[in-house]
Every structure is written in C-alpha cells, then in structure tokens.
Amino acid sequence: MNAKKRILFLCTHNAARSQIAEGFVNALYADRYEAYSAGSEPTEVHPCAIEVMAELGINITSQRAKSLVEYDNASFDYVVTMCADAHENCPIFPGGVEYLHHPFVNPGSIPAPDTDRCASGRHVRDQIKAWFEGTFGKNSGKV
C-alpha cells in the first residue's frame, strides 16, 4: 500500500481558502492524502469558512491559522499556492516535490451582500472543491 501524499495549501492569511482546501482533503480524501495549510501572515480562521464547510457536513472548527514557520523542517509531495492577485503576498515554501498554483479570490476581500454574508465563501468553496476533484480526483493521474 502506498503512503499518503502530503499536501500543503498556502495563502497569505491562512484564514479561508487554504483552510477550506485543508478541510476538504482531510474529510473527503483522507484515504490518499494528508492536508495541511499555512500562511505568510496568518490571522484566524474566517467564520464564513467554518460556516460554509459545515453546510457540507465538514467540521473545520478545530483548524487554526498557522505560520509557514511551523513547517520549516517538513516536506510535502505537493505545495499549492492559492493567491489570486498581485496585491497578495503569496507565500513561498521550499519543501515541496511538486508545486501547483491555482488562483482563488480571497472571499474576505469580496463585499458581502446584506442577505448572505457568506455568499463569497460559498462560491470560493465550490471552486476549490471542483478544482481539487479535477486535479487530484481518481482519474487525475496523481496518486
């Protein structure tokens, strides 16, 4: 049996995108992957990230924002950067075997409508899920 592949998801604040990705992988693909997340300027897990994941039955309340420093001596099969634009300081991590980048808009940077404060988080959640399934799903060629 092959060992699980380790994935590190990175974004600036480790508050939403990378937290959502970590939660998806550990909840839905734990048989094949171990996911972690970190940021160059970690803050705290965004309440909407927790809420939109709970809508799918995935509990990320025990996750916390982490600095890249916590993984200084770690290595990962995949390092995935998730920053969307030049205004963000996307982290760089040297301990990866394969590097992937997929830009996802920071849901915290999108103004929320009065009727649904987590609408942008839900949209980004769905984009991350679709990207992950297409990139790492059973027929993706990745183990």
N, C-alpha and C. Protein backbone atom coordinates (compact mmCIF):
# COMPACT_ATOMS: atom_id res chain seq x y z
N MET A 1 0.84 -1.19 0.00
CA MET A 1 0.00 0.00 0.00
C MET A 1 0.87 1.24 0.00
N ASN A 2 0.54 2.21 -0.83
CA ASN A 2 1.29 3.45 -0.91
C ASN A 2 1.01 4.34 0.29
N ALA A 3 2.03 5.08 0.68
CA ALA A 3 1.85 6.04 1.76
C ALA A 3 1.00 7.20 1.25
N LYS A 4 0.32 7.84 2.17
CA LYS A 4 -0.48 9.00 1.79
C LYS A 4 0.42 10.12 1.30
N LYS A 5 -0.05 10.84 0.30
CA LYS A 5 0.65 12.02 -0.20
C LYS A 5 0.32 13.19 0.71
N ARG A 6 1.33 14.01 0.97
CA ARG A 6 1.15 15.18 1.83
C ARG A 6 1.02 16.43 0.97
N ILE A 7 0.00 17.25 1.30
CA ILE A 7 -0.26 18.48 0.55
C ILE A 7 -0.25 19.65 1.52
N LEU A 8 0.43 20.71 1.13
CA LEU A 8 0.41 21.96 1.91
C LEU A 8 -0.26 23.03 1.05
N PHE A 9 -1.37 23.58 1.56
CA PHE A 9 -2.09 24.65 0.88
C PHE A 9 -1.66 25.98 1.50
N LEU A 10 -1.30 26.93 0.65
CA LEU A 10 -0.79 28.21 1.13
C LEU A 10 -1.59 29.39 0.59
N CYS A 11 -1.85 30.33 1.47
CA CYS A 11 -2.34 31.65 1.07
C CYS A 11 -1.84 32.63 2.12
N THR A 12 -2.08 33.87 1.91
CA THR A 12 -1.47 34.89 2.76
C THR A 12 -1.86 34.77 4.23
N HIS A 13 -3.15 34.77 4.52
CA HIS A 13 -3.60 34.82 5.91
C HIS A 13 -3.99 33.48 6.51
N ASN A 14 -4.03 32.43 5.69
CA ASN A 14 -4.44 31.10 6.16
C ASN A 14 -5.76 31.21 6.93
N ALA A 15 -6.69 31.97 6.33
CA ALA A 15 -7.96 32.23 7.00
C ALA A 15 -9.15 31.57 6.33
N ALA A 16 -9.14 31.46 5.00
CA ALA A 16 -10.32 30.93 4.31
C ALA A 16 -9.94 29.89 3.25
N ARG A 17 -9.35 30.33 2.14
CA ARG A 17 -9.08 29.42 1.02
C ARG A 17 -8.28 28.18 1.42
N SER A 18 -7.16 28.40 2.05
CA SER A 18 -6.31 27.26 2.41
C SER A 18 -6.96 26.42 3.51
N GLN A 19 -7.73 27.04 4.38
CA GLN A 19 -8.46 26.30 5.42
C GLN A 19 -9.54 25.42 4.79
N ILE A 20 -10.26 25.98 3.82
CA ILE A 20 -11.29 25.21 3.13
C ILE A 20 -10.66 24.02 2.42
N ALA A 21 -9.56 24.25 1.71
CA ALA A 21 -8.88 23.17 0.99
C ALA A 21 -8.40 22.08 1.95
N GLU A 22 -7.79 22.48 3.06
CA GLU A 22 -7.33 21.51 4.06
C GLU A 22 -8.50 20.68 4.57
N GLY A 23 -9.61 21.34 4.87
CA GLY A 23 -10.78 20.64 5.36
C GLY A 23 -11.35 19.65 4.36
N PHE A 24 -11.45 20.06 3.09
CA PHE A 24 -11.96 19.17 2.04
C PHE A 24 -11.13 17.90 1.93
N VAL A 25 -9.83 18.10 1.81
CA VAL A 25 -8.95 16.95 1.60
C VAL A 25 -9.00 15.99 2.77
N ASN A 26 -8.90 16.53 3.97
CA ASN A 26 -8.88 15.64 5.14
C ASN A 26 -10.22 14.97 5.40
N ALA A 27 -11.31 15.58 4.93
CA ALA A 27 -12.63 14.97 5.12
C ALA A 27 -12.99 13.99 4.00
N LEU A 28 -12.63 14.33 2.78
CA LEU A 28 -13.09 13.55 1.63
C LEU A 28 -12.03 12.64 0.99
N TYR A 29 -10.76 12.92 1.22
CA TYR A 29 -9.70 12.17 0.56
C TYR A 29 -8.66 11.64 1.55
N ALA A 30 -9.04 11.47 2.79
CA ALA A 30 -8.09 11.06 3.84
C ALA A 30 -7.48 9.69 3.58
N ASP A 31 -8.08 8.90 2.72
CA ASP A 31 -7.51 7.60 2.40
C ASP A 31 -6.26 7.74 1.53
N ARG A 32 -6.10 8.89 0.84
CA ARG A 32 -4.98 9.07 -0.09
C ARG A 32 -4.08 10.24 0.23
N TYR A 33 -4.62 11.22 0.97
CA TYR A 33 -3.87 12.46 1.21
C TYR A 33 -3.96 12.90 2.66
N GLU A 34 -2.92 13.63 3.09
CA GLU A 34 -2.93 14.37 4.35
C GLU A 34 -2.75 15.83 3.97
N ALA A 35 -3.66 16.67 4.39
CA ALA A 35 -3.59 18.08 4.02
C ALA A 35 -3.23 18.95 5.22
N TYR A 36 -2.49 19.99 4.91
CA TYR A 36 -2.08 20.99 5.88
C TYR A 36 -2.25 22.34 5.22
N SER A 37 -2.25 23.40 6.01
CA SER A 37 -2.33 24.74 5.44
C SER A 37 -1.51 25.69 6.29
N ALA A 38 -1.10 26.78 5.65
CA ALA A 38 -0.32 27.80 6.36
C ALA A 38 -0.39 29.10 5.56
N GLY A 39 0.11 30.16 6.19
CA GLY A 39 0.15 31.46 5.53
C GLY A 39 1.38 32.24 5.92
N SER A 40 1.71 33.22 5.09
CA SER A 40 2.86 34.08 5.38
C SER A 40 2.52 35.13 6.44
N GLU A 41 1.23 35.46 6.56
CA GLU A 41 0.76 36.43 7.56
C GLU A 41 -0.52 35.88 8.20
N PRO A 42 -0.43 34.76 8.94
CA PRO A 42 -1.64 34.12 9.46
C PRO A 42 -2.41 35.02 10.42
N THR A 43 -3.72 34.91 10.33
CA THR A 43 -4.59 35.69 11.21
C THR A 43 -5.43 34.73 12.04
N GLU A 44 -6.64 34.43 11.59
CA GLU A 44 -7.50 33.45 12.25
C GLU A 44 -8.44 32.87 11.20
N VAL A 45 -8.98 31.70 11.47
CA VAL A 45 -9.89 31.07 10.52
C VAL A 45 -11.15 31.93 10.42
N HIS A 46 -11.52 32.26 9.21
CA HIS A 46 -12.67 33.13 8.99
C HIS A 46 -13.96 32.40 9.37
N PRO A 47 -14.86 33.04 10.10
CA PRO A 47 -16.12 32.39 10.49
C PRO A 47 -16.92 31.86 9.30
N CYS A 48 -16.87 32.54 8.17
CA CYS A 48 -17.61 32.05 6.99
C CYS A 48 -16.98 30.78 6.42
N ALA A 49 -15.67 30.63 6.54
CA ALA A 49 -15.04 29.38 6.10
C ALA A 49 -15.60 28.22 6.92
N ILE A 50 -15.71 28.42 8.21
CA ILE A 50 -16.27 27.39 9.09
C ILE A 50 -17.73 27.12 8.72
N GLU A 51 -18.49 28.19 8.50
CA GLU A 51 -19.91 28.05 8.20
C GLU A 51 -20.16 27.33 6.87
N VAL A 52 -19.44 27.72 5.81
CA VAL A 52 -19.72 27.11 4.51
C VAL A 52 -19.26 25.66 4.44
N MET A 53 -18.25 25.32 5.20
CA MET A 53 -17.83 23.91 5.25
C MET A 53 -18.84 23.09 6.04
N ALA A 54 -19.37 23.66 7.12
CA ALA A 54 -20.38 22.97 7.92
C ALA A 54 -21.63 22.67 7.09
N GLU A 55 -21.93 23.54 6.14
CA GLU A 55 -23.07 23.30 5.26
C GLU A 55 -22.93 22.00 4.48
N LEU A 56 -21.70 21.56 4.27
CA LEU A 56 -21.43 20.30 3.57
C LEU A 56 -21.14 19.15 4.54
N GLY A 57 -21.32 19.42 5.82
CA GLY A 57 -21.06 18.39 6.83
C GLY A 57 -19.60 18.21 7.18
N ILE A 58 -18.77 19.20 6.86
CA ILE A 58 -17.34 19.13 7.17
C ILE A 58 -17.04 20.13 8.28
N ASN A 59 -16.54 19.62 9.39
CA ASN A 59 -16.27 20.44 10.57
C ASN A 59 -14.81 20.86 10.58
N ILE A 60 -14.55 22.15 10.44
CA ILE A 60 -13.18 22.65 10.49
C ILE A 60 -12.95 23.53 11.71
N THR A 61 -13.80 23.41 12.71
CA THR A 61 -13.67 24.27 13.89
C THR A 61 -12.38 24.02 14.67
N SER A 62 -11.78 22.84 14.52
CA SER A 62 -10.54 22.57 15.24
C SER A 62 -9.30 23.07 14.48
N GLN A 63 -9.49 23.50 13.25
CA GLN A 63 -8.36 24.03 12.49
C GLN A 63 -8.02 25.43 13.00
N ARG A 64 -6.76 25.82 12.80
CA ARG A 64 -6.32 27.14 13.22
C ARG A 64 -5.37 27.70 12.16
N ALA A 65 -5.28 29.01 12.11
CA ALA A 65 -4.35 29.66 11.19
C ALA A 65 -2.93 29.38 11.67
N LYS A 66 -2.07 29.01 10.71
CA LYS A 66 -0.71 28.62 11.04
C LYS A 66 0.29 29.37 10.17
N SER A 67 1.44 29.63 10.74
CA SER A 67 2.52 30.27 10.02
C SER A 67 3.35 29.22 9.28
N LEU A 68 3.94 29.61 8.18
CA LEU A 68 4.86 28.72 7.46
C LEU A 68 5.99 28.22 8.34
N VAL A 69 6.35 29.01 9.34
CA VAL A 69 7.45 28.65 10.24
C VAL A 69 7.19 27.29 10.90
N GLU A 70 5.93 26.96 11.13
CA GLU A 70 5.60 25.68 11.76
C GLU A 70 6.03 24.49 10.91
N TYR A 71 6.24 24.71 9.62
CA TYR A 71 6.59 23.61 8.72
C TYR A 71 8.01 23.73 8.18
N ASP A 72 8.86 24.51 8.85
CA ASP A 72 10.22 24.75 8.37
C ASP A 72 10.98 23.47 8.01
N ASN A 73 10.84 22.43 8.78
CA ASN A 73 11.60 21.21 8.53
C ASN A 73 10.77 20.10 7.90
N ALA A 74 9.61 20.45 7.39
CA ALA A 74 8.71 19.45 6.80
C ALA A 74 8.88 19.40 5.29
N SER A 75 8.47 18.28 4.72
CA SER A 75 8.44 18.17 3.26
C SER A 75 7.06 17.70 2.84
N PHE A 76 6.67 18.10 1.64
CA PHE A 76 5.35 17.80 1.12
C PHE A 76 5.47 17.32 -0.31
N ASP A 77 4.57 16.42 -0.69
CA ASP A 77 4.53 15.96 -2.07
C ASP A 77 4.05 17.07 -2.99
N TYR A 78 3.08 17.85 -2.49
CA TYR A 78 2.52 18.96 -3.27
C TYR A 78 2.44 20.19 -2.39
N VAL A 79 2.85 21.32 -2.95
CA VAL A 79 2.66 22.62 -2.31
C VAL A 79 1.79 23.42 -3.27
N VAL A 80 0.63 23.84 -2.78
CA VAL A 80 -0.36 24.53 -3.61
C VAL A 80 -0.54 25.95 -3.12
N THR A 81 -0.19 26.93 -3.95
CA THR A 81 -0.44 28.32 -3.62
C THR A 81 -1.79 28.71 -4.20
N MET A 82 -2.53 29.52 -3.46
CA MET A 82 -3.93 29.82 -3.80
C MET A 82 -4.21 31.30 -3.96
N CYS A 83 -3.20 32.15 -3.93
CA CYS A 83 -3.40 33.60 -4.02
C CYS A 83 -3.91 33.98 -5.41
N ALA A 84 -4.77 35.01 -5.45
CA ALA A 84 -5.44 35.35 -6.70
C ALA A 84 -4.87 36.56 -7.43
N ASP A 85 -4.26 37.48 -6.72
CA ASP A 85 -3.84 38.69 -7.42
C ASP A 85 -2.54 39.24 -6.88
N ALA A 86 -2.01 40.21 -7.57
CA ALA A 86 -0.71 40.77 -7.23
C ALA A 86 -0.71 41.53 -5.91
N HIS A 87 -1.88 41.90 -5.40
CA HIS A 87 -1.94 42.62 -4.13
C HIS A 87 -1.64 41.71 -2.95
N GLU A 88 -1.74 40.42 -3.19
CA GLU A 88 -1.48 39.47 -2.11
C GLU A 88 -0.02 39.05 -2.13
N ASN A 89 0.52 38.82 -0.96
CA ASN A 89 1.88 38.35 -0.82
C ASN A 89 1.83 36.84 -0.69
N CYS A 90 1.80 36.14 -1.81
CA CYS A 90 1.65 34.69 -1.79
C CYS A 90 2.92 34.05 -1.20
N PRO A 91 2.76 33.17 -0.25
CA PRO A 91 3.91 32.56 0.40
C PRO A 91 4.72 31.66 -0.55
N ILE A 92 5.99 31.53 -0.21
CA ILE A 92 6.88 30.61 -0.92
C ILE A 92 7.36 29.59 0.09
N PHE A 93 7.31 28.32 -0.30
CA PHE A 93 7.73 27.25 0.60
C PHE A 93 8.69 26.33 -0.16
N PRO A 94 9.90 26.15 0.36
CA PRO A 94 10.90 25.37 -0.38
C PRO A 94 10.81 23.84 -0.21
N GLY A 95 9.97 23.34 0.67
CA GLY A 95 9.97 21.91 0.97
C GLY A 95 8.99 21.07 0.18
N GLY A 96 8.75 21.41 -1.08
CA GLY A 96 7.80 20.64 -1.88
C GLY A 96 8.48 19.86 -2.98
N VAL A 97 7.86 18.76 -3.37
CA VAL A 97 8.32 17.98 -4.51
C VAL A 97 7.72 18.56 -5.79
N GLU A 98 6.42 18.83 -5.76
CA GLU A 98 5.73 19.41 -6.90
C GLU A 98 4.98 20.65 -6.44
N TYR A 99 5.06 21.71 -7.24
CA TYR A 99 4.41 22.98 -6.90
C TYR A 99 3.27 23.23 -7.88
N LEU A 100 2.13 23.61 -7.33
CA LEU A 100 0.97 23.95 -8.13
C LEU A 100 0.47 25.32 -7.70
N HIS A 101 -0.08 26.05 -8.64
CA HIS A 101 -0.70 27.33 -8.30
C HIS A 101 -2.07 27.37 -8.95
N HIS A 102 -3.06 27.71 -8.15
CA HIS A 102 -4.38 27.96 -8.70
C HIS A 102 -4.94 29.17 -7.98
N PRO A 103 -5.21 30.25 -8.73
CA PRO A 103 -5.70 31.47 -8.09
C PRO A 103 -7.17 31.37 -7.71
N PHE A 104 -7.44 31.61 -6.45
CA PHE A 104 -8.81 31.70 -5.94
C PHE A 104 -8.93 33.06 -5.27
N VAL A 105 -10.00 33.78 -5.57
CA VAL A 105 -10.22 35.09 -4.96
C VAL A 105 -10.40 34.90 -3.46
N ASN A 106 -9.79 35.78 -2.70
CA ASN A 106 -9.95 35.76 -1.24
C ASN A 106 -11.39 36.14 -0.92
N PRO A 107 -12.18 35.22 -0.37
CA PRO A 107 -13.58 35.56 -0.09
C PRO A 107 -13.74 36.71 0.90
N GLY A 108 -12.73 36.93 1.73
CA GLY A 108 -12.80 38.04 2.67
C GLY A 108 -12.63 39.40 2.01
N SER A 109 -12.16 39.40 0.75
CA SER A 109 -11.95 40.67 0.05
C SER A 109 -13.15 41.07 -0.80
N ILE A 110 -14.17 40.20 -0.86
CA ILE A 110 -15.37 40.48 -1.66
C ILE A 110 -16.45 41.00 -0.72
N PRO A 111 -17.01 42.18 -1.01
CA PRO A 111 -18.08 42.69 -0.15
C PRO A 111 -19.26 41.71 -0.09
N ALA A 112 -19.74 41.48 1.10
CA ALA A 112 -20.84 40.53 1.28
C ALA A 112 -22.18 41.23 1.10
N PRO A 113 -23.11 40.58 0.41
CA PRO A 113 -24.45 41.16 0.32
C PRO A 113 -25.12 41.12 1.70
N ASP A 114 -26.01 42.03 1.93
CA ASP A 114 -26.70 42.09 3.22
C ASP A 114 -27.47 40.81 3.53
N THR A 115 -27.93 40.15 2.50
CA THR A 115 -28.77 38.96 2.71
C THR A 115 -27.98 37.69 2.98
N ASP A 116 -26.70 37.65 2.61
CA ASP A 116 -25.92 36.43 2.78
C ASP A 116 -24.45 36.78 2.95
N ARG A 117 -24.03 36.94 4.19
CA ARG A 117 -22.66 37.38 4.46
C ARG A 117 -21.60 36.37 4.03
N CYS A 118 -21.97 35.12 3.82
CA CYS A 118 -21.00 34.09 3.45
C CYS A 118 -21.12 33.64 1.99
N ALA A 119 -21.81 34.42 1.17
CA ALA A 119 -22.02 34.05 -0.24
C ALA A 119 -20.69 33.87 -0.98
N SER A 120 -19.75 34.78 -0.77
CA SER A 120 -18.46 34.67 -1.47
C SER A 120 -17.67 33.47 -0.97
N GLY A 121 -17.77 33.17 0.31
CA GLY A 121 -17.10 31.98 0.85
C GLY A 121 -17.66 30.70 0.26
N ARG A 122 -18.96 30.68 0.07
CA ARG A 122 -19.62 29.52 -0.53
C ARG A 122 -19.17 29.33 -1.98
N HIS A 123 -19.08 30.44 -2.71
CA HIS A 123 -18.65 30.41 -4.11
C HIS A 123 -17.21 29.89 -4.22
N VAL A 124 -16.32 30.43 -3.41
CA VAL A 124 -14.92 30.00 -3.43
C VAL A 124 -14.80 28.55 -2.97
N ARG A 125 -15.57 28.16 -1.97
CA ARG A 125 -15.58 26.76 -1.51
C ARG A 125 -15.90 25.83 -2.67
N ASP A 126 -16.92 26.16 -3.43
CA ASP A 126 -17.32 25.31 -4.55
C ASP A 126 -16.26 25.27 -5.64
N GLN A 127 -15.59 26.40 -5.87
CA GLN A 127 -14.49 26.43 -6.85
C GLN A 127 -13.32 25.56 -6.41
N ILE A 128 -12.97 25.64 -5.13
CA ILE A 128 -11.86 24.85 -4.60
C ILE A 128 -12.19 23.37 -4.70
N LYS A 129 -13.39 22.99 -4.34
CA LYS A 129 -13.81 21.59 -4.40
C LYS A 129 -13.73 21.06 -5.83
N ALA A 130 -14.24 21.82 -6.78
CA ALA A 130 -14.22 21.40 -8.18
C ALA A 130 -12.79 21.29 -8.70
N TRP A 131 -11.95 22.26 -8.36
CA TRP A 131 -10.55 22.23 -8.80
C TRP A 131 -9.84 21.01 -8.22
N PHE A 132 -10.03 20.78 -6.92
CA PHE A 132 -9.34 19.66 -6.29
C PHE A 132 -9.78 18.34 -6.91
N GLU A 133 -11.06 18.17 -7.10
CA GLU A 133 -11.56 16.93 -7.70
C GLU A 133 -11.00 16.73 -9.10
N GLY A 134 -10.91 17.80 -9.88
CA GLY A 134 -10.36 17.70 -11.23
C GLY A 134 -8.87 17.47 -11.25
N THR A 135 -8.16 18.00 -10.27
CA THR A 135 -6.70 17.89 -10.24
C THR A 135 -6.22 16.63 -9.52
N PHE A 136 -6.88 16.26 -8.44
CA PHE A 136 -6.43 15.14 -7.62
C PHE A 136 -7.41 13.98 -7.57
N GLY A 137 -8.53 14.09 -8.27
CA GLY A 137 -9.53 13.03 -8.24
C GLY A 137 -9.00 11.72 -8.79
N LYS A 138 -9.80 10.69 -8.70
CA LYS A 138 -9.38 9.34 -9.06
C LYS A 138 -8.79 9.22 -10.46
N ASN A 139 -9.25 10.00 -11.42
CA ASN A 139 -8.77 9.88 -12.79
C ASN A 139 -7.78 10.98 -13.18
N SER A 140 -7.19 11.63 -12.19
CA SER A 140 -6.32 12.77 -12.48
C SER A 140 -4.90 12.38 -12.86
N GLY A 141 -4.52 11.15 -12.60
CA GLY A 141 -3.13 10.76 -12.84
C GLY A 141 -2.27 10.95 -11.59
N LYS A 142 -2.74 11.69 -10.62
CA LYS A 142 -2.00 11.84 -9.37
C LYS A 142 -2.45 10.72 -8.43
N VAL A 143 -1.52 10.23 -7.68
CA VAL A 143 -1.84 9.12 -6.77
C VAL A 143 -2.54 9.62 -5.55
